[in-house]
Protein backbone atom coordinates (compact mmCIF):
# COMPACT_ATOMS: atom_id res chain seq x y z
CA MET A 1 -16.00 -36.32 7.68
CA ALA A 2 -16.50 -37.22 4.07
CA LEU A 3 -13.82 -35.53 1.84
CA SER A 4 -14.37 -35.19 -1.87
CA GLY A 5 -10.38 -34.37 -2.44
CA SER A 6 -11.04 -30.48 -2.16
CA LYS A 7 -9.30 -27.97 -0.02
CA MET A 8 -10.61 -27.53 3.48
CA TYR A 9 -10.73 -24.38 5.43
CA MET A 10 -11.48 -24.22 9.22
CA ASP A 11 -13.36 -20.96 10.74
CA LEU A 12 -10.71 -18.58 12.07
CA GLU A 13 -12.10 -17.96 15.56
CA LYS A 14 -12.96 -21.52 16.34
CA ALA A 15 -9.54 -22.74 15.56
CA ARG A 16 -8.17 -19.82 17.83
CA GLU A 17 -10.48 -20.96 20.63
CA LEU A 18 -10.01 -24.69 20.22
CA CYS A 19 -5.83 -24.74 20.33
CA THR A 20 -6.22 -22.01 22.88
CA GLY A 21 -8.43 -24.16 25.02
CA ILE A 22 -6.09 -27.51 24.41
CA LEU A 23 -2.92 -25.72 25.56
CA VAL A 24 -4.32 -24.01 28.41
CA CYS A 25 -5.52 -27.96 29.51
CA SER A 26 -2.23 -28.83 29.09
CA GLY A 27 -0.67 -26.50 31.55
CA VAL A 28 -0.38 -23.35 29.93
CA PRO A 29 -1.68 -19.95 31.36
CA GLU A 30 -4.34 -18.48 29.32
CA ALA A 31 -2.26 -15.30 28.45
CA ASP A 32 0.49 -17.42 27.10
CA ALA A 33 -1.30 -19.80 25.18
CA SER A 34 -3.12 -16.76 23.46
CA THR A 35 0.41 -15.59 22.61
CA VAL A 36 1.30 -19.15 21.08
CA VAL A 37 -1.95 -19.66 19.02
CA ASP A 38 -1.97 -16.15 17.68
CA ASN A 39 1.79 -16.86 16.03
CA LEU A 40 0.15 -20.34 14.75
CA ILE A 41 -2.42 -18.93 13.25
CA GLN A 42 -0.47 -15.78 11.78
CA GLY A 43 1.03 -18.75 10.34
CA ASP A 44 -1.49 -20.28 8.67
CA LEU A 45 -3.15 -16.82 7.78
CA ARG A 46 -0.01 -16.07 5.73
CA GLY A 47 0.26 -19.62 3.99
CA LEU A 48 3.12 -20.99 6.28
CA GLY A 49 0.89 -23.91 7.23
CA SER A 50 3.98 -25.50 8.01
CA HIS A 51 4.42 -23.38 10.80
CA GLY A 52 0.84 -22.88 11.86
CA ILE A 53 -1.51 -24.97 13.97
CA SER A 54 -0.07 -27.91 12.44
CA ARG A 55 2.46 -27.81 15.25
CA LEU A 56 0.44 -27.97 18.13
CA TYR A 57 0.30 -31.76 18.22
CA ALA A 58 3.89 -31.48 18.76
CA TYR A 59 4.01 -28.45 21.41
CA THR A 60 1.47 -30.71 24.04
CA GLU A 61 3.59 -33.66 23.33
CA ARG A 62 6.61 -31.84 24.50
CA ILE A 63 4.79 -30.18 27.45
CA LYS A 64 3.53 -33.58 28.32
CA ASP A 65 6.54 -35.55 28.43
CA GLY A 66 8.15 -32.46 30.09
CA TYR A 67 10.59 -31.21 27.49
CA THR A 68 9.11 -28.17 27.38
CA ASN A 69 7.96 -25.94 30.60
CA ALA A 70 4.63 -24.70 30.45
CA LYS A 71 4.97 -21.87 33.02
CA PRO A 72 8.61 -20.71 32.58
CA ASP A 73 10.40 -17.82 34.54
CA ILE A 74 11.76 -15.87 31.80
CA ARG A 75 14.51 -13.35 33.22
CA VAL A 76 16.91 -10.88 32.17
CA VAL A 77 20.58 -12.10 32.67
CA ASN A 78 22.57 -9.28 31.50
CA GLU A 79 21.88 -6.13 29.74
CA SER A 80 23.32 -3.11 29.02
CA PRO A 81 21.30 0.35 27.63
CA ALA A 82 21.18 -1.30 24.09
CA THR A 83 21.11 -5.19 24.58
CA LEU A 84 19.64 -7.96 26.49
CA LEU A 85 20.86 -11.52 26.88
CA ILE A 86 17.61 -13.40 28.45
CA ASP A 87 17.31 -17.02 29.58
CA GLY A 88 13.66 -18.38 28.49
CA ASP A 89 13.69 -21.24 30.89
CA ASN A 90 12.97 -24.05 28.44
CA GLY A 91 9.23 -22.25 28.02
CA LEU A 92 7.31 -22.30 24.53
CA GLY A 93 9.13 -20.34 22.08
CA ALA A 94 6.50 -17.68 21.16
CA VAL A 95 6.08 -16.77 25.07
CA ILE A 96 9.48 -16.20 25.09
CA GLY A 97 10.18 -14.65 21.71
CA THR A 98 7.33 -12.08 22.34
CA LYS A 99 8.79 -10.88 25.84
CA ALA A 100 12.24 -10.75 24.62
CA MET A 101 11.33 -8.34 21.26
CA ASP A 102 8.79 -6.55 23.34
CA LEU A 103 12.14 -5.41 25.42
CA CYS A 104 14.31 -5.24 22.42
CA ILE A 105 11.81 -2.12 20.84
CA GLU A 106 11.50 -0.17 24.36
CA LYS A 107 15.15 -0.06 24.76
CA ALA A 108 15.21 1.01 20.97
CA LYS A 109 12.87 3.58 21.72
CA ILE A 110 15.84 4.92 24.04
CA SER A 111 19.00 3.88 22.26
CA GLY A 112 18.07 3.70 18.41
CA MET A 113 18.92 0.67 17.96
CA ALA A 114 18.85 -2.35 20.51
CA SER A 115 19.78 -6.14 19.83
CA CYS A 116 18.46 -9.12 22.12
CA ALA A 117 20.03 -12.75 22.85
CA VAL A 118 18.17 -15.46 23.64
CA ARG A 119 19.07 -19.15 25.30
CA ASN A 120 17.02 -21.73 26.71
CA GLY A 121 14.22 -21.52 23.69
CA ASN A 122 11.80 -23.62 21.61
CA HIS A 123 10.41 -23.80 18.59
CA TYR A 124 9.07 -20.52 17.87
CA GLY A 125 6.51 -20.46 15.06
CA ILE A 126 7.09 -17.83 12.46
CA ALA A 127 9.99 -15.27 12.44
CA ALA A 128 7.87 -12.60 10.93
CA TYR A 129 5.69 -12.90 14.09
CA TYR A 130 8.54 -10.97 15.97
CA ALA A 131 10.34 -9.02 13.25
CA MET A 132 6.88 -7.11 12.52
CA LYS A 133 6.01 -6.08 16.16
CA ALA A 134 8.77 -3.10 15.24
CA LEU A 135 6.76 -1.69 12.25
CA PRO A 136 3.91 0.19 14.50
CA HIS A 137 7.03 1.96 16.37
CA ASP A 138 8.67 2.81 12.66
CA MET A 139 11.48 0.72 13.59
CA ILE A 140 13.22 -2.36 11.24
CA GLY A 141 12.46 -5.57 13.06
CA ILE A 142 15.06 -8.63 13.03
CA ALA A 143 14.20 -12.01 14.15
CA LEU A 144 16.58 -14.96 13.72
CA THR A 145 16.54 -18.31 15.63
CA ASN A 146 18.56 -21.61 15.22
CA ALA A 147 17.15 -25.02 14.79
CA ALA A 148 17.88 -28.63 15.18
CA SER A 149 20.19 -30.26 13.09
CA THR A 150 18.70 -31.15 9.53
CA MET A 151 20.84 -29.50 6.96
CA ALA A 152 24.08 -30.59 5.43
CA PRO A 153 26.84 -27.82 5.39
CA TRP A 154 27.51 -27.14 1.28
CA GLY A 155 29.51 -30.32 0.59
CA SER A 156 28.68 -32.45 2.99
CA ILE A 157 25.91 -35.19 3.58
CA THR A 158 25.65 -35.00 7.29
CA PRO A 159 23.47 -32.56 8.70
CA TYR A 160 24.51 -30.19 11.03
CA PHE A 161 23.00 -26.83 10.76
CA GLY A 162 19.44 -26.08 11.41
CA THR A 163 17.28 -24.53 8.53
CA ASN A 164 17.96 -21.23 10.67
CA PRO A 165 15.36 -18.91 9.48
CA PHE A 166 15.71 -15.24 9.53
CA CYS A 167 13.22 -12.47 9.28
CA PHE A 168 13.58 -8.24 8.31
CA ALA A 169 10.48 -6.58 8.16
CA ILE A 170 11.01 -3.00 6.91
CA PRO A 171 8.05 -0.22 7.05
CA ALA A 172 6.73 1.55 4.22
CA GLU A 173 4.05 4.37 4.25
CA LYS A 174 1.81 3.84 1.67
CA ARG A 175 2.40 0.51 0.67
CA ARG A 176 2.41 -2.85 2.85
CA PRO A 177 5.93 -3.43 4.96
CA ILE A 178 8.68 -5.36 3.31
CA VAL A 179 8.74 -8.22 5.27
CA LEU A 180 11.68 -11.20 3.89
CA ASP A 181 11.36 -14.31 6.03
CA CYS A 182 12.41 -17.19 4.87
CA ALA A 183 14.91 -20.50 6.04
CA THR A 184 17.98 -20.88 5.08
CA SER A 185 17.55 -24.18 3.23
CA VAL A 186 15.50 -24.28 -0.18
CA VAL A 187 12.09 -25.42 1.79
CA ALA A 188 11.60 -25.01 5.51
CA ARG A 189 11.54 -28.55 7.27
CA GLY A 190 8.19 -28.04 8.76
CA LYS A 191 6.87 -28.25 4.76
CA ILE A 192 8.45 -31.69 4.11
CA ILE A 193 6.85 -32.70 7.77
CA LEU A 194 3.59 -31.42 6.82
CA ALA A 195 3.74 -32.93 3.49
CA GLY A 196 4.50 -36.36 5.64
CA ILE A 197 1.27 -35.70 7.61
CA GLU A 198 -0.84 -35.29 4.78
CA ASN A 199 0.91 -38.33 3.09
CA LYS A 200 2.04 -36.14 0.61
CA SER A 201 5.48 -36.52 -1.91
CA ILE A 202 8.00 -33.19 -2.06
CA PRO A 203 9.41 -32.01 -5.24
CA GLU A 204 12.84 -33.18 -6.35
CA GLY A 205 15.32 -30.71 -4.96
CA TRP A 206 14.06 -30.01 -1.57
CA ALA A 207 16.25 -32.38 0.04
CA ILE A 208 18.31 -35.65 -0.17
CA ASP A 209 18.22 -39.17 1.43
CA LYS A 210 20.78 -40.52 3.91
CA SER A 211 22.95 -41.52 1.07
CA GLY A 212 23.08 -37.80 -0.58
CA ARG A 213 20.79 -39.00 -3.11
CA PRO A 214 18.20 -36.66 -3.95
CA THR A 215 14.56 -37.82 -3.04
CA THR A 216 10.77 -36.82 -3.05
CA ASN A 217 9.58 -39.10 -0.14
CA THR A 218 9.16 -37.22 2.80
CA SER A 219 10.36 -40.13 5.10
CA ASP A 220 13.41 -40.35 3.29
CA ALA A 221 14.03 -36.93 3.13
CA LEU A 222 13.27 -36.57 7.15
CA LYS A 223 16.14 -39.40 7.54
CA GLY A 224 18.61 -37.23 4.99
CA SER A 225 18.92 -33.33 4.93
CA VAL A 226 17.21 -30.52 3.17
CA LEU A 227 19.35 -28.81 1.12
CA PRO A 228 20.41 -25.15 1.91
CA PHE A 229 19.25 -22.43 -0.58
CA GLY A 230 21.97 -20.88 -2.98
CA GLY A 231 24.56 -23.66 -2.03
CA TYR A 232 27.46 -22.68 -0.34
CA LYS A 233 25.69 -19.05 0.18
CA GLY A 234 22.59 -20.63 1.83
CA SER A 235 25.16 -22.86 4.32
CA GLY A 236 27.20 -19.73 5.17
CA ILE A 237 24.17 -18.02 6.46
CA ALA A 238 23.13 -20.46 8.25
CA MET A 239 26.37 -20.73 10.08
CA VAL A 240 26.30 -17.10 11.08
CA ILE A 241 22.73 -17.10 12.17
CA ASP A 242 23.76 -20.31 14.71
CA ILE A 243 26.62 -17.96 15.47
CA LEU A 244 24.24 -14.99 16.34
CA CYS A 245 21.57 -16.94 18.15
CA ALA A 246 23.68 -19.66 19.87
CA MET A 247 27.40 -18.55 20.61
CA LEU A 248 25.94 -14.78 21.54
CA SER A 249 23.61 -16.01 24.08
CA GLY A 250 25.39 -19.40 25.47
CA ALA A 251 22.27 -21.61 23.87
CA THR A 252 23.06 -24.96 21.88
CA PHE A 253 24.64 -24.86 18.34
CA GLY A 254 25.01 -27.43 15.45
CA THR A 255 24.40 -30.75 15.90
CA HIS A 256 23.86 -30.34 20.14
CA VAL A 257 20.53 -28.40 19.47
CA GLY A 258 17.61 -30.77 20.69
CA ASP A 259 15.45 -32.34 18.12
CA PHE A 260 11.65 -30.78 18.07
CA TYR A 261 9.88 -33.89 17.47
CA ASN A 262 12.00 -36.35 19.10
CA ASN A 263 11.09 -36.21 23.00
CA SER A 264 13.39 -38.82 24.14
CA GLN A 265 16.75 -37.05 23.36
CA LYS A 266 17.27 -33.66 25.34
CA MET A 267 15.84 -30.31 25.71
CA GLN A 268 16.15 -28.03 22.59
CA ASN A 269 17.52 -24.87 24.34
CA LEU A 270 17.43 -22.90 20.92
CA GLY A 271 19.01 -19.58 20.94
CA PHE A 272 17.12 -16.41 19.38
CA TYR A 273 18.50 -12.78 18.21
CA PHE A 274 16.61 -10.05 17.89
CA SER A 275 16.97 -6.55 17.13
CA ALA A 276 15.17 -3.27 16.55
CA ILE A 277 16.42 -0.48 14.85
CA SER A 278 14.37 3.29 15.40
CA ILE A 279 14.46 5.06 11.91
CA LYS A 280 14.12 8.33 13.41
CA SER A 281 17.40 7.91 14.65
CA PHE A 282 18.72 7.99 11.19
CA LEU A 283 16.39 10.07 9.65
CA SER A 284 12.47 11.22 9.15
CA PRO A 285 10.89 8.02 9.46
CA ALA A 286 8.31 9.82 6.69
CA ASP A 287 10.95 10.20 4.61
CA PHE A 288 12.30 6.98 5.11
CA LYS A 289 8.71 5.14 4.34
CA ALA A 290 8.54 7.26 0.97
CA GLY A 291 11.31 6.25 -0.13
CA ILE A 292 10.42 2.41 0.33
CA ASP A 293 6.96 3.09 -1.17
CA GLN A 294 8.94 4.42 -4.37
CA MET A 295 11.22 1.47 -4.26
CA ILE A 296 8.49 -0.77 -3.93
CA ASP A 297 6.58 1.11 -6.92
CA GLU A 298 9.49 0.96 -9.24
CA ILE A 299 10.06 -2.78 -8.68
CA LYS A 300 6.83 -3.66 -9.40
CA GLY A 301 6.81 -1.14 -12.39
CA SER A 302 9.83 -2.92 -13.71
CA GLU A 303 9.87 -4.81 -17.10
CA LYS A 304 8.42 -8.24 -16.49
CA ALA A 305 10.35 -11.44 -17.44
CA TYR A 306 8.48 -13.68 -19.96
CA GLY A 307 5.48 -15.47 -18.36
CA VAL A 308 5.15 -13.22 -15.26
CA GLU A 309 2.25 -11.78 -14.57
CA GLU A 310 2.84 -10.08 -11.44
CA ILE A 311 6.00 -8.58 -9.90
CA PHE A 312 6.20 -9.14 -6.03
CA VAL A 313 8.16 -7.84 -3.29
CA PRO A 314 9.25 -9.49 0.21
CA GLY A 315 6.21 -10.42 2.02
CA GLU A 316 3.49 -9.07 -0.50
CA ILE A 317 2.17 -12.60 -1.57
CA GLU A 318 1.86 -13.40 2.67
CA PHE A 319 -0.41 -10.00 3.14
CA ASN A 320 -2.36 -11.57 0.11
CA ASN A 321 -2.91 -14.72 1.71
CA GLU A 322 -3.84 -13.20 4.94
CA ALA A 323 -6.42 -11.00 3.45
CA VAL A 324 -8.24 -14.03 1.60
CA ASN A 325 -7.86 -16.28 4.48
CA ARG A 326 -9.24 -13.93 7.16
CA LYS A 327 -12.38 -14.25 5.22
CA ARG A 328 -12.64 -18.00 4.05
CA GLY A 329 -10.68 -19.41 6.96
CA ILE A 330 -7.38 -21.04 7.52
CA GLU A 331 -6.37 -24.11 5.19
CA ILE A 332 -6.40 -27.69 7.06
CA GLY A 333 -5.49 -30.82 6.02
CA PRO A 334 -6.92 -34.30 6.97
CA GLY A 335 -3.87 -35.38 9.11
CA VAL A 336 -3.76 -32.05 10.86
CA LEU A 337 -7.53 -32.46 11.57
CA LYS A 338 -7.11 -35.96 12.72
CA ASP A 339 -4.61 -34.30 15.46
CA LEU A 340 -6.88 -31.68 16.19
CA ASN A 341 -9.33 -34.16 17.17
CA THR A 342 -6.88 -36.54 18.95
CA LEU A 343 -6.08 -33.36 21.19
CA ARG A 344 -9.64 -32.24 21.89
CA GLN A 345 -10.93 -35.95 22.55
CA ARG A 346 -7.28 -36.23 25.10
CA TYR A 347 -8.42 -33.07 27.04
CA GLY A 348 -11.89 -33.16 26.82
CA ILE A 349 -12.57 -29.65 24.96
CA ASN A 350 -16.18 -29.52 23.83
CA ILE A 351 -15.39 -28.23 20.37
CA ASN A 352 -15.18 -30.50 17.39
CA PRO A 353 -13.02 -29.08 14.42
CA GLU A 354 -14.83 -31.37 11.86
CA ASP A 355 -18.20 -29.03 12.68
CA TYR A 356 -16.14 -25.85 11.58
CA VAL A 357 -14.67 -27.13 8.43
CA LYS A 358 -15.96 -26.38 4.95
CA GLU A 359 -14.27 -27.30 1.74
CA GLY A 360 -13.63 -24.88 -0.86
């Protein structure tokens, strides 16, 4: 495909069909493959390409090399009326996370609040995918995960914590939900990896090299450390997330977590933590959501800082991205397009992604 340098967009449904087919051919049951791809597509739709179908190649490599279980036996190890401990049997993170969050919501319908800790997980895509599952039930959803050590604790140059993302999803009435989904690093490491796939540099302030010097080179950044947001504050939050996800579940933490891209190292054994809070256990959902609407209106109507055209609340930009991308397709770079071609040829799938890509 001849490229002019403009952005490229792939047809949404063909991307879904191709990626699902690739996972099925790699040994994943069709229902599980659909769940994983739905998670990845949601990442792309919301403008988070670092957690979109760009991850598919690594997912299939880990399955092929025996580092992820394509057909896990996900089981409840321990539970109470308001808690669950789940063993993910080294399955794909989105499959484990979806089951865990669904069970958490069901318990919250009875108990008012419920929490679920998970061990033996793998990379689970965007945290918002799970937290937002609570919204149709008039619940607040919370999703946390730890990750392989790529971020140095504040004051150190030695990576110890993962980027350890977290998400809070809060329903509104007339307004769209509040969805705060972010890593504890200045930027998700996946954005550095995606920049590397697409042969681009990164902004200064995202990462340091292995000597602790600021860098804009993706290779040096990946050998060094991403930086925590807010200095010691982001570092502290990353530590707490590691504790909730790993210490509470029996998963690995810190430098003991298996690296997502280095298949020769070990299993990931990630830990997840989910929570669902039923609003009606506290007050009327209608009153609560009306209050959220009021808060959003007041924030967006407040006086703007110099040079600011619009004030956004958490999740609003991502919802705007999704509305646009559902119509034009998901953005895809030449590196990811090459990976998809490699995979579809490997598994003999008769869908050429280049036939469903347009420039814009």
